[in-house]
C-alpha atoms as a PDB file:
ATOM      1  CA  MET A   1      58.239 -36.194 133.761  1.00  0.00           C
ATOM      2  CA  VAL A   2      58.748 -39.434 131.872  1.00  0.00           C
ATOM      3  CA  ARG A   3      56.229 -38.390 129.230  1.00  0.00           C
ATOM      4  CA  ALA A   4      58.089 -35.116 128.654  1.00  0.00           C
ATOM      5  CA  ARG A   5      61.391 -36.850 127.809  1.00  0.00           C
ATOM      6  CA  ARG A   6      59.764 -39.185 125.317  1.00  0.00           C
ATOM      7  CA  SER A   7      58.274 -36.239 123.514  1.00  0.00           C
ATOM      8  CA  THR A   8      61.678 -34.561 123.172  1.00  0.00           C
ATOM      9  CA  VAL A   9      63.335 -37.636 121.696  1.00  0.00           C
ATOM     10  CA  VAL A  10      60.710 -37.962 119.038  1.00  0.00           C
ATOM     11  CA  LEU A  11      61.163 -34.375 117.923  1.00  0.00           C
ATOM     12  CA  LEU A  12      64.917 -34.721 117.582  1.00  0.00           C
ATOM     13  CA  MET A  13      64.616 -37.856 115.471  1.00  0.00           C
ATOM     14  CA  VAL A  14      62.285 -36.078 113.043  1.00  0.00           C
ATOM     15  CA  ALA A  15      64.656 -33.162 112.718  1.00  0.00           C
ATOM     16  CA  PHE A  16      67.577 -35.472 112.001  1.00  0.00           C
ATOM     17  CA  LEU A  17      65.775 -37.283 109.233  1.00  0.00           C
ATOM     18  CA  MET A  18      64.847 -34.021 107.474  1.00  0.00           C
ATOM     19  CA  LEU A  19      68.450 -32.846 107.401  1.00  0.00           C
ATOM     20  CA  ALA A  20      69.751 -36.158 106.152  1.00  0.00           C
ATOM     21  CA  THR A  21      67.544 -36.308 102.995  1.00  0.00           C
ATOM     22  CA  PRO A  22      69.684 -33.950 100.703  1.00  0.00           C
ATOM     23  CA  ALA A  23      72.726 -36.119 101.260  1.00  0.00           C
ATOM     24  CA  VAL A  24      71.023 -38.868  99.275  1.00  0.00           C
ATOM     25  CA  LEU A  25      70.133 -36.510  96.260  1.00  0.00           C
ATOM     26  CA  ALA A  26      73.677 -35.219  95.903  1.00  0.00           C
ATOM     27  CA  ASP A  27      74.666 -38.548  94.356  1.00  0.00           C
ATOM     28  CA  GLU A  28      72.592 -37.750  91.131  1.00  0.00           C
ATOM     29  CA  GLY A  29      74.146 -35.794  88.070  1.00  0.00           C
ATOM     30  CA  THR A  30      72.657 -33.306  85.404  1.00  0.00           C
ATOM     31  CA  ASP A  31      73.844 -31.820  82.078  1.00  0.00           C
ATOM     32  CA  THR A  32      72.286 -29.742  79.193  1.00  0.00           C
ATOM     33  CA  THR A  33      72.244 -29.539  75.386  1.00  0.00           C
ATOM     34  CA  THR A  34      70.839 -26.879  72.987  1.00  0.00           C
ATOM     35  CA  GLY A  35      67.598 -27.316  71.039  1.00  0.00           C
ATOM     36  CA  LYS A  36      67.059 -25.165  67.934  1.00  0.00           C
ATOM     37  CA  PHE A  37      64.864 -24.810  64.813  1.00  0.00           C
ATOM     38  CA  ALA A  38      64.508 -22.316  61.946  1.00  0.00           C
ATOM     39  CA  ILE A  39      61.478 -20.946  60.133  1.00  0.00           C
ATOM     40  CA  ARG A  40      61.734 -20.691  56.363  1.00  0.00           C
ATOM     41  CA  ASP A  41      61.275 -17.338  54.678  1.00  0.00           C
ATOM     42  CA  THR A  42      57.538 -16.874  54.363  1.00  0.00           C
ATOM     43  CA  ALA A  43      56.044 -15.709  51.073  1.00  0.00           C
ATOM     44  CA  PRO A  44      53.843 -12.584  51.159  1.00  0.00           C
ATOM     45  CA  GLN A  45      50.441 -13.499  52.553  1.00  0.00           C
ATOM     46  CA  GLY A  46      48.352 -11.209  50.387  1.00  0.00           C
ATOM     47  CA  ILE A  47      48.004  -8.371  47.870  1.00  0.00           C
ATOM     48  CA  GLU A  48      45.266  -5.743  47.739  1.00  0.00           C
ATOM     49  CA  ILE A  49      44.996  -3.428  44.701  1.00  0.00           C
ATOM     50  CA  GLY A  50      43.297  -0.039  44.667  1.00  0.00           C
ATOM     51  CA  ALA A  51      42.646   2.101  41.571  1.00  0.00           C
ATOM     52  CA  PRO A  52      40.324   4.842  40.265  1.00  0.00           C
ATOM     53  CA  ASP A  53      37.320   3.900  38.140  1.00  0.00           C
ATOM     54  CA  THR A  54      38.424   6.193  35.311  1.00  0.00           C
ATOM     55  CA  LEU A  55      41.704   7.545  33.969  1.00  0.00           C
ATOM     56  CA  THR A  56      42.437  10.493  31.696  1.00  0.00           C
ATOM     57  CA  PRO A  57      45.658  10.907  29.704  1.00  0.00           C
ATOM     58  CA  GLN A  58      48.043  13.499  31.170  1.00  0.00           C
ATOM     59  CA  THR A  59      46.034  13.660  34.417  1.00  0.00           C
ATOM     60  CA  ASP A  60      47.432  12.563  37.803  1.00  0.00           C
ATOM     61  CA  ALA A  61      46.256   9.179  39.085  1.00  0.00           C
ATOM     62  CA  THR A  62      47.319   6.711  41.785  1.00  0.00           C
ATOM     63  CA  ILE A  63      47.360   2.920  41.980  1.00  0.00           C
ATOM     64  CA  THR A  64      47.898   1.393  45.442  1.00  0.00           C
ATOM     65  CA  VAL A  65      49.322  -2.027  46.278  1.00  0.00           C
ATOM     66  CA  GLY A  66      48.767  -3.314  49.820  1.00  0.00           C
ATOM     67  CA  VAL A  67      51.102  -6.144  50.922  1.00  0.00           C
ATOM     68  CA  VAL A  68      51.026  -8.424  53.974  1.00  0.00           C
ATOM     69  CA  ASP A  69      54.272 -10.175  54.955  1.00  0.00           C
ATOM     70  CA  VAL A  70      54.823 -11.664  58.429  1.00  0.00           C
ATOM     71  CA  ASP A  71      58.589 -11.407  57.888  1.00  0.00           C
ATOM     72  CA  THR A  72      58.064  -7.593  57.800  1.00  0.00           C
ATOM     73  CA  LEU A  73      58.095  -5.447  54.691  1.00  0.00           C
ATOM     74  CA  ALA A  74      61.886  -5.282  54.874  1.00  0.00           C
ATOM     75  CA  ASP A  75      61.695  -8.671  53.178  1.00  0.00           C
ATOM     76  CA  VAL A  76      59.944  -7.277  50.081  1.00  0.00           C
ATOM     77  CA  ASP A  77      62.367  -6.876  47.184  1.00  0.00           C
ATOM     78  CA  LYS A  78      60.137  -5.765  44.314  1.00  0.00           C
ATOM     79  CA  VAL A  79      56.614  -4.571  43.542  1.00  0.00           C
ATOM     80  CA  THR A  80      55.526  -4.414  39.885  1.00  0.00           C
ATOM     81  CA  VAL A  81      52.321  -2.852  38.516  1.00  0.00           C
ATOM     82  CA  VAL A  82      51.283  -3.540  34.913  1.00  0.00           C
ATOM     83  CA  LEU A  83      48.504  -1.246  33.658  1.00  0.00           C
ATOM     84  CA  TYR A  84      47.320  -2.712  30.363  1.00  0.00           C
ATOM     85  CA  TYR A  85      44.524  -2.396  27.814  1.00  0.00           C
ATOM     86  CA  GLN A  86      42.346  -5.411  27.115  1.00  0.00           C
ATOM     87  CA  ALA A  87      39.881  -5.418  24.231  1.00  0.00           C
ATOM     88  CA  ASN A  88      36.588  -7.306  24.223  1.00  0.00           C
ATOM     89  CA  ASN A  89      36.923  -8.506  27.825  1.00  0.00           C
ATOM     90  CA  GLY A  90      39.380 -11.097  26.591  1.00  0.00           C
ATOM     91  CA  THR A  91      41.862 -13.153  28.570  1.00  0.00           C
ATOM     92  CA  ALA A  92      45.005 -11.636  27.119  1.00  0.00           C
ATOM     93  CA  LYS A  93      47.977 -11.714  29.474  1.00  0.00           C
ATOM     94  CA  PRO A  94      49.482  -8.353  30.436  1.00  0.00           C
ATOM     95  CA  ALA A  95      52.393  -7.041  28.419  1.00  0.00           C
ATOM     96  CA  THR A  96      55.898  -7.963  29.538  1.00  0.00           C
ATOM     97  CA  SER A  97      57.216  -4.652  28.229  1.00  0.00           C
ATOM     98  CA  GLY A  98      55.576  -1.294  27.808  1.00  0.00           C
ATOM     99  CA  ASN A  99      53.652  -0.060  24.790  1.00  0.00           C
ATOM    100  CA  PRO A 100      52.557   3.560  25.113  1.00  0.00           C
ATOM    101  CA  GLN A 101      49.120   2.905  23.603  1.00  0.00           C
ATOM    102  CA  THR A 102      48.267  -0.315  25.423  1.00  0.00           C
ATOM    103  CA  ALA A 103      50.509  -0.796  28.453  1.00  0.00           C
ATOM    104  CA  ALA A 104      52.822   0.769  31.007  1.00  0.00           C
ATOM    105  CA  ILE A 105      54.865  -1.073  33.640  1.00  0.00           C
ATOM    106  CA  MET A 106      55.694   0.664  36.930  1.00  0.00           C
ATOM    107  CA  THR A 107      58.164  -0.900  39.363  1.00  0.00           C
ATOM    108  CA  TRP A 108      59.478  -0.310  42.844  1.00  0.00           C
ATOM    109  CA  GLN A 109      62.712  -2.211  43.525  1.00  0.00           C
ATOM    110  CA  ARG A 110      64.750  -2.265  46.720  1.00  0.00           C
ATOM    111  CA  ASN A 111      68.128  -2.333  45.005  1.00  0.00           C
ATOM    112  CA  GLY A 112      69.096   0.191  42.345  1.00  0.00           C
ATOM    113  CA  THR A 113      66.705   2.909  41.193  1.00  0.00           C
ATOM    114  CA  ALA A 114      63.657   2.521  43.420  1.00  0.00           C
ATOM    115  CA  TRP A 115      60.837   3.749  41.119  1.00  0.00           C
ATOM    116  CA  THR A 116      60.973   3.052  37.382  1.00  0.00           C
ATOM    117  CA  LEU A 117      58.617   3.187  34.390  1.00  0.00           C
ATOM    118  CA  ASP A 118      58.673   1.060  31.235  1.00  0.00           C
ATOM    119  CA  GLN A 119      56.553   2.555  28.465  1.00  0.00           C
ATOM    120  CA  GLY A 120      58.437   1.028  25.567  1.00  0.00           C
ATOM    121  CA  GLY A 121      59.025   3.695  22.941  1.00  0.00           C
ATOM    122  CA  GLY A 122      56.596   6.088  24.563  1.00  0.00           C
ATOM    123  CA  LEU A 123      57.455   9.577  25.735  1.00  0.00           C
ATOM    124  CA  THR A 124      54.385  10.959  27.458  1.00  0.00           C
ATOM    125  CA  TRP A 125      53.608   8.542  30.303  1.00  0.00           C
ATOM    126  CA  VAL A 126      54.921  10.004  33.572  1.00  0.00           C
ATOM    127  CA  LEU A 127      55.789   8.317  36.872  1.00  0.00           C
ATOM    128  CA  ASN A 128      55.659  11.020  39.564  1.00  0.00           C
ATOM    129  CA  GLN A 129      58.517   9.653  41.663  1.00  0.00           C
ATOM    130  CA  SER A 130      58.309  12.438  44.239  1.00  0.00           C
ATOM    131  CA  ALA A 131      54.675  11.523  44.917  1.00  0.00           C
ATOM    132  CA  CYS A 132      55.237   7.750  45.063  1.00  0.00           C
ATOM    133  CA  VAL A 133      55.203   6.238  48.554  1.00  0.00           C
ATOM    134  CA  LYS A 134      56.540   3.046  50.142  1.00  0.00           C
ATOM    135  CA  PRO A 135      55.595   1.847  53.639  1.00  0.00           C
ATOM    136  CA  ASP A 136      57.935   1.484  56.622  1.00  0.00           C
ATOM    137  CA  ASP A 137      60.081  -1.666  56.521  1.00  0.00           C
ATOM    138  CA  SER A 138      59.329  -2.503  60.159  1.00  0.00           C
ATOM    139  CA  LEU A 139      55.631  -3.118  59.462  1.00  0.00           C
ATOM    140  CA  THR A 140      54.112  -6.474  58.577  1.00  0.00           C
ATOM    141  CA  SER A 141      51.568  -4.820  56.266  1.00  0.00           C
ATOM    142  CA  GLY A 142      51.644  -1.607  54.280  1.00  0.00           C
ATOM    143  CA  VAL A 143      50.782   0.137  51.023  1.00  0.00           C
ATOM    144  CA  TRP A 144      52.906   1.129  48.023  1.00  0.00           C
ATOM    145  CA  GLU A 145      51.501   4.137  46.139  1.00  0.00           C
ATOM    146  CA  PHE A 146      52.301   4.526  42.430  1.00  0.00           C
ATOM    147  CA  SER A 147      51.568   8.088  41.232  1.00  0.00           C
ATOM    148  CA  PHE A 148      51.513   8.562  37.454  1.00  0.00           C
ATOM    149  CA  LYS A 149      49.981  10.209  34.364  1.00  0.00           C
ATOM    150  CA  PRO A 150      48.755   8.085  31.431  1.00  0.00           C
ATOM    151  CA  GLY A 151      50.269   8.878  28.041  1.00  0.00           C
ATOM    152  CA  THR A 152      48.518  11.012  25.439  1.00  0.00           C
ATOM    153  CA  ALA A 153      47.724   8.001  23.234  1.00  0.00           C
ATOM    154  CA  ALA A 154      46.703   5.535  25.966  1.00  0.00           C
ATOM    155  CA  THR A 155      43.838   3.820  24.175  1.00  0.00           C
ATOM    156  CA  GLN A 156      40.367   5.149  24.901  1.00  0.00           C
ATOM    157  CA  THR A 157      37.993   2.489  26.185  1.00  0.00           C
ATOM    158  CA  ASP A 158      34.896   1.778  24.159  1.00  0.00           C
ATOM    159  CA  GLU A 159      31.837   0.385  25.911  1.00  0.00           C
ATOM    160  CA  ARG A 160      30.576  -0.958  22.595  1.00  0.00           C
ATOM    161  CA  ASN A 161      33.242  -3.676  22.549  1.00  0.00           C
ATOM    162  CA  ASN A 162      33.608  -4.113  26.347  1.00  0.00           C
ATOM    163  CA  ALA A 163      37.198  -2.924  26.246  1.00  0.00           C
ATOM    164  CA  ALA A 164      38.842  -1.916  29.516  1.00  0.00           C
ATOM    165  CA  TRP A 165      42.142  -1.146  31.176  1.00  0.00           C
ATOM    166  CA  ARG A 166      43.208  -3.630  33.841  1.00  0.00           C
ATOM    167  CA  ILE A 167      45.933  -4.027  36.448  1.00  0.00           C
ATOM    168  CA  TYR A 168      48.258  -6.943  37.105  1.00  0.00           C
ATOM    169  CA  VAL A 169      50.559  -6.866  40.159  1.00  0.00           C
ATOM    170  CA  GLU A 170      53.554  -8.981  41.181  1.00  0.00           C
ATOM    171  CA  VAL A 171      55.233  -8.870  44.604  1.00  0.00           C
ATOM    172  CA  THR A 172      58.596 -10.558  45.207  1.00  0.00           C
ATOM    173  CA  SER A 173      59.675 -11.249  48.775  1.00  0.00           C
ATOM    174  CA  GLY A 174      62.422 -13.571  49.959  1.00  0.00           C
ATOM    175  CA  GLY A 175      62.786 -15.098  46.518  1.00  0.00           C
ATOM    176  CA  THR A 176      59.076 -15.922  46.179  1.00  0.00           C
ATOM    177  CA  THR A 177      56.776 -14.054  43.778  1.00  0.00           C
ATOM    178  CA  ILE A 178      53.015 -13.890  44.114  1.00  0.00           C
ATOM    179  CA  SER A 179      50.632 -12.085  41.764  1.00  0.00           C
ATOM    180  CA  LYS A 180      47.110 -10.725  41.529  1.00  0.00           C
ATOM    181  CA  THR A 181      44.874  -9.201  38.836  1.00  0.00           C
ATOM    182  CA  TYR A 182      42.574  -6.296  39.644  1.00  0.00           C
ATOM    183  CA  ASP A 183      38.979  -7.426  39.215  1.00  0.00           C
ATOM    184  CA  ASN A 184      37.373  -4.114  38.238  1.00  0.00           C
ATOM    185  CA  ARG A 185      37.244  -2.477  34.807  1.00  0.00           C
ATOM    186  CA  ILE A 186      39.024   0.860  34.429  1.00  0.00           C
ATOM    187  CA  GLU A 187      37.769   3.323  31.817  1.00  0.00           C
ATOM    188  CA  MET A 188      40.192   5.540  29.877  1.00  0.00           C
ATOM    189  CA  ASN A 189      38.570   8.828  28.913  1.00  0.00           C
ATOM    190  CA  TRP A 190      38.961  10.356  25.473  1.00  0.00           C
ATOM    191  CA  TYR A 191      41.893  12.736  25.041  1.00  0.00           C
ATOM    192  CA  GLY A 192      42.792  15.092  22.207  1.00  0.00           C
ATOM    193  CA  GLU A 193      45.626  17.502  21.612  1.00  0.00           C
ATOM    194  CA  ILE A 194      46.297  19.796  18.672  1.00  0.00           C
ATOM    195  CA  SER A 195      49.059  22.077  17.397  1.00  0.00           C
ATOM    196  CA  VAL A 196      49.084  24.381  14.361  1.00  0.00           C
ATOM    197  CA  ASN A 197      52.475  24.209  12.703  1.00  0.00           C
ATOM    198  CA  THR A 198      51.872  27.057  10.235  1.00  0.00           C
ATOM    199  CA  ASP A 199      52.631  30.421  11.830  1.00  0.00           C
ATOM    200  CA  ALA A 200      50.184  32.479   9.765  1.00  0.00           C
ATOM    201  CA  VAL A 201      47.681  32.185   6.930  1.00  0.00           C
ATOM    202  CA  ASP A 202      48.452  35.079   4.585  1.00  0.00           C
ATOM    203  CA  TRP A 203      46.291  35.748   1.535  1.00  0.00           C
ATOM    204  CA  GLY A 204      48.449  38.690   0.604  1.00  0.00           C
ATOM    205  CA  THR A 205      46.751  41.583  -1.237  1.00  0.00           C
ATOM    206  CA  VAL A 206      43.300  40.741  -2.622  1.00  0.00           C
ATOM    207  CA  ASN A 207      40.712  42.641  -4.630  1.00  0.00           C
ATOM    208  CA  ALA A 208      37.471  43.878  -3.146  1.00  0.00           C
ATOM    209  CA  GLY A 209      34.562  41.751  -4.307  1.00  0.00           C
ATOM    210  CA  SER A 210      36.731  38.694  -4.963  1.00  0.00           C
ATOM    211  CA  GLY A 211      36.688  35.157  -3.645  1.00  0.00           C
ATOM    212  CA  PHE A 212      34.933  31.833  -3.191  1.00  0.00           C
ATOM    213  CA  ALA A 213      36.129  30.064  -6.263  1.00  0.00           C
ATOM    214  CA  ALA A 214      38.369  27.019  -6.407  1.00  0.00           C
ATOM    215  CA  ASP A 215      41.615  28.890  -7.046  1.00  0.00           C
ATOM    216  CA  VAL A 216      40.736  32.423  -5.971  1.00  0.00           C
ATOM    217  CA  ASN A 217      42.007  33.805  -2.646  1.00  0.00           C
ATOM    218  CA  LYS A 218      43.170  30.338  -1.629  1.00  0.00           C
ATOM    219  CA  VAL A 219      45.884  29.438   0.903  1.00  0.00           C
ATOM    220  CA  THR A 220      46.793  25.759   1.171  1.00  0.00           C
ATOM    221  CA  ASN A 221      49.367  23.579   2.938  1.00  0.00           C
ATOM    222  CA  VAL A 222      48.333  24.766   6.387  1.00  0.00           C
ATOM    223  CA  SER A 223      49.841  22.109   8.684  1.00  0.00           C
ATOM    224  CA  VAL A 224      48.021  20.889  11.790  1.00  0.00           C
ATOM    225  CA  THR A 225      49.097  17.988  14.041  1.00  0.00           C
ATOM    226  CA  TYR A 226      46.441  15.984  15.873  1.00  0.00           C
ATOM    227  CA  ILE A 227      47.110  13.714  18.866  1.00  0.00           C
ATOM    228  CA  SER A 228      44.305  11.509  20.163  1.00  0.00           C
ATOM    229  CA  ASN A 229      43.780   8.236  22.025  1.00  0.00           C
ATOM    230  CA  GLY A 230      40.607   7.495  20.070  1.00  0.00           C
ATOM    231  CA  ALA A 231      38.504   8.507  17.102  1.00  0.00           C
ATOM    232  CA  TYR A 232      38.287  12.267  16.639  1.00  0.00           C
ATOM    233  CA  ILE A 233      36.822  15.066  14.524  1.00  0.00           C
ATOM    234  CA  SER A 234      38.907  18.032  13.356  1.00  0.00           C
ATOM    235  CA  GLN A 235      37.163  21.400  13.402  1.00  0.00           C
ATOM    236  CA  ILE A 236      37.787  25.062  12.623  1.00  0.00           C
ATOM    237  CA  MET A 237      36.364  28.413  13.757  1.00  0.00           C
ATOM    238  CA  ALA A 238      37.348  32.091  13.492  1.00  0.00           C
ATOM    239  CA  ALA A 239      36.972  35.329  15.407  1.00  0.00           C
ATOM    240  CA  ASN A 240      34.058  37.529  14.418  1.00  0.00           C
ATOM    241  CA  THR A 241      36.071  40.743  14.063  1.00  0.00           C
ATOM    242  CA  TRP A 242      39.403  41.265  12.266  1.00  0.00           C
ATOM    243  CA  SER A 243      40.848  44.760  12.708  1.00  0.00           C
ATOM    244  CA  GLY A 244      37.436  46.277  12.164  1.00  0.00           C
ATOM    245  CA  ALA A 245      36.290  43.943   9.381  1.00  0.00           C
ATOM    246  CA  THR A 246      33.363  41.646  10.200  1.00  0.00           C
ATOM    247  CA  LEU A 247      33.179  37.909   9.524  1.00  0.00           C
ATOM    248  CA  ALA A 248      29.915  37.090   7.759  1.00  0.00           C
ATOM    249  CA  ALA A 249      28.526  34.128   9.669  1.00  0.00           C
ATOM    250  CA  ASP A 250      26.274  33.131   6.767  1.00  0.00           C
ATOM    251  CA  GLY A 251      28.923  33.637   4.095  1.00  0.00           C
ATOM    252  CA  GLU A 252      26.965  36.491   2.458  1.00  0.00           C
ATOM    253  CA  THR A 253      29.300  39.502   2.202  1.00  0.00           C
ATOM    254  CA  ASP A 254      26.559  41.992   1.335  1.00  0.00           C
ATOM    255  CA  GLN A 255      27.639  44.636   3.820  1.00  0.00           C
ATOM    256  CA  ALA A 256      30.681  46.914   3.600  1.00  0.00           C
ATOM    257  CA  ASN A 257      33.855  45.482   5.128  1.00  0.00           C
ATOM    258  CA  GLU A 258      32.366  42.013   5.512  1.00  0.00           C
ATOM    259  CA  PHE A 259      34.406  38.941   4.672  1.00  0.00           C
ATOM    260  CA  ALA A 260      33.769  35.183   4.699  1.00  0.00           C
ATOM    261  CA  LEU A 261      35.907  32.051   5.012  1.00  0.00           C
ATOM    262  CA  MET A 262      35.637  28.493   3.759  1.00  0.00           C
ATOM    263  CA  ALA A 263      37.887  25.645   4.927  1.00  0.00           C
ATOM    264  CA  ASN A 264      38.719  22.045   4.154  1.00  0.00           C
ATOM    265  CA  ALA A 265      41.279  19.523   5.358  1.00  0.00           C
ATOM    266  CA  SER A 266      42.394  19.172   1.735  1.00  0.00           C
ATOM    267  CA  ASP A 267      42.813  21.656  -1.148  1.00  0.00           C
ATOM    268  CA  ARG A 268      39.455  20.695  -2.674  1.00  0.00           C
ATOM    269  CA  TYR A 269      36.937  23.511  -2.705  1.00  0.00           C
ATOM    270  CA  ASN A 270      34.190  20.966  -3.250  1.00  0.00           C
ATOM    271  CA  GLY A 271      33.206  19.887   0.263  1.00  0.00           C
ATOM    272  CA  ALA A 272      34.702  22.914   2.016  1.00  0.00           C
ATOM    273  CA  GLN A 273      32.857  24.189   5.093  1.00  0.00           C
ATOM    274  CA  LEU A 274      31.796  27.726   5.977  1.00  0.00           C
ATOM    275  CA  VAL A 275      33.832  29.144   8.865  1.00  0.00           C
ATOM    276  CA  ASN A 276      32.326  31.340  11.603  1.00  0.00           C
ATOM    277  CA  GLU A 277      32.381  31.607  15.401  1.00  0.00           C
ATOM    278  CA  ASN A 278      30.923  28.095  15.760  1.00  0.00           C
ATOM    279  CA  PRO A 279      33.177  25.040  15.234  1.00  0.00           C
ATOM    280  CA  ALA A 280      32.744  23.451  11.800  1.00  0.00           C
ATOM    281  CA  ALA A 281      33.893  19.887  11.079  1.00  0.00           C
ATOM    282  CA  ILE A 282      36.436  19.639   8.267  1.00  0.00           C
ATOM    283  CA  GLY A 283      37.827  16.142   8.807  1.00  0.00           C
ATOM    284  CA  SER A 284      38.158  13.125  11.071  1.00  0.00           C
ATOM    285  CA  GLY A 285      40.707  10.584  12.203  1.00  0.00           C
ATOM    286  CA  THR A 286      41.396   7.570  14.362  1.00  0.00           C
ATOM    287  CA  GLN A 287      43.711   6.960  17.309  1.00  0.00           C
ATOM    288  CA  THR A 288      47.164   8.386  16.691  1.00  0.00           C
ATOM    289  CA  ALA A 289      50.589   7.597  18.033  1.00  0.00           C
ATOM    290  CA  GLU A 290      51.997   9.839  20.753  1.00  0.00           C
ATOM    291  CA  THR A 291      53.803  11.813  18.051  1.00  0.00           C
ATOM    292  CA  GLY A 292      50.454  12.561  16.425  1.00  0.00           C
ATOM    293  CA  THR A 293      49.207  12.728  12.842  1.00  0.00           C
ATOM    294  CA  ALA A 294      50.071  15.785  10.769  1.00  0.00           C
ATOM    295  CA  VAL A 295      47.524  17.005   8.211  1.00  0.00           C
ATOM    296  CA  THR A 296      49.473  19.283   5.887  1.00  0.00           C
ATOM    297  CA  ALA A 297      46.928  20.026   3.148  1.00  0.00           C
ATOM    298  CA  ASN A 298      44.508  22.183   5.158  1.00  0.00           C
ATOM    299  CA  THR A 299      43.160  24.938   2.904  1.00  0.00           C
ATOM    300  CA  LEU A 300      41.297  28.217   3.463  1.00  0.00           C
ATOM    301  CA  TRP A 301      39.397  30.371   0.953  1.00  0.00           C
ATOM    302  CA  LEU A 302      38.661  34.064   1.506  1.00  0.00           C
ATOM    303  CA  LYS A 303      35.774  36.149   0.127  1.00  0.00           C
ATOM    304  CA  VAL A 304      35.524  39.928   0.603  1.00  0.00           C
ATOM    305  CA  ALA A 305      32.670  42.394   0.072  1.00  0.00           C
ATOM    306  CA  ASP A 306      32.483  44.642  -2.952  1.00  0.00           C
ATOM    307  CA  SER A 307      32.869  47.619  -0.659  1.00  0.00           C
ATOM    308  CA  PHE A 308      35.989  47.222   1.448  1.00  0.00           C
ATOM    309  CA  GLY A 309      38.314  49.841   2.882  1.00  0.00           C
ATOM    310  CA  LYS A 310      41.981  49.716   1.995  1.00  0.00           C
ATOM    311  CA  GLY A 311      44.215  48.364   4.762  1.00  0.00           C
ATOM    312  CA  LEU A 312      45.607  45.322   6.557  1.00  0.00           C
ATOM    313  CA  TYR A 313      43.114  43.078   8.333  1.00  0.00           C
ATOM    314  CA  GLN A 314      44.010  40.239  10.682  1.00  0.00           C
ATOM    315  CA  GLY A 315      42.341  38.044  13.246  1.00  0.00           C
ATOM    316  CA  THR A 316      42.331  34.626  14.865  1.00  0.00           C
ATOM    317  CA  ILE A 317      41.662  31.276  13.169  1.00  0.00           C
ATOM    318  CA  THR A 318      41.282  28.343  15.566  1.00  0.00           C
ATOM    319  CA  TYR A 319      41.665  24.656  14.771  1.00  0.00           C
ATOM    320  CA  LEU A 320      40.043  22.208  17.225  1.00  0.00           C
ATOM    321  CA  ILE A 321      39.908  18.486  17.962  1.00  0.00           C
ATOM    322  CA  THR A 322      36.974  16.718  19.604  1.00  0.00           C
ATOM    323  CA  SER A 323      35.821  13.167  20.236  1.00  0.00           C
ATOM    324  CA  SER A 324      33.724  11.513  17.564  1.00  0.00           C
ATOM    325  CA  ASN A 325      32.033   9.176  20.079  1.00  0.00           C
END
């Protein structure tokens, strides 16, 4: 029995000591303060540019600009795309304002009008705003899509002098602007456009068996406007049949009701070209402005067969423009 009491006393003493320990800790005090830090606005981490290998005036095209920004794309204020012509693979800097033959500047801006185009005094470049796309602001990476049509006089590239169109991009985010130049060459295809300003070529009433002399059956001052982004050739052709009369392809009006035509870009009969159903070159030119180059001295000479029925004859005369390269 003695051993049993000793065992009980020991257990009680241990229990007492365990309960008494917190009373000692209660004498210590604690308090807190706030720690804080801020991260500066981070500049965009990268730009990726995508573009077609070739462009054609007045044909839809798209340039893409991929942006990475850890602050999310809501931080991006402005994306600028400069599409510019560079001759001879030089190191010329891109234009700061548009020139319709050598540069166009397309911009997306968060404040104000979102999508804008600077083509200087140009009229024919088009920014297809409804087809342009911006990414969601909540993303940390996304792509801006600039949809556009090059102007009619956007300079044709020429492989002989290593000319090319290039792209320069700037992205502004949180007050910081980064830039990148597209590494690949972009070719601009040849483009030509033509309009005949003279409503009709009227020789009036002529005599059978007449024509093909400098001042016989001649109509001059036929006005034609040419628009081209490179060197071009002006041509002419005519329909084979005019109200039952037949165009003599060889110029020999030896059959009844045959007629023949000669044409030149000036009023000089010397150097005039025979006109038939195949295009004949009557002149040439170089790159024009978007408003084009008007040639107002185009002249046509008419020759008719000795045997020709009385009446009015009419048909189609076509002026053409084609690349000289």
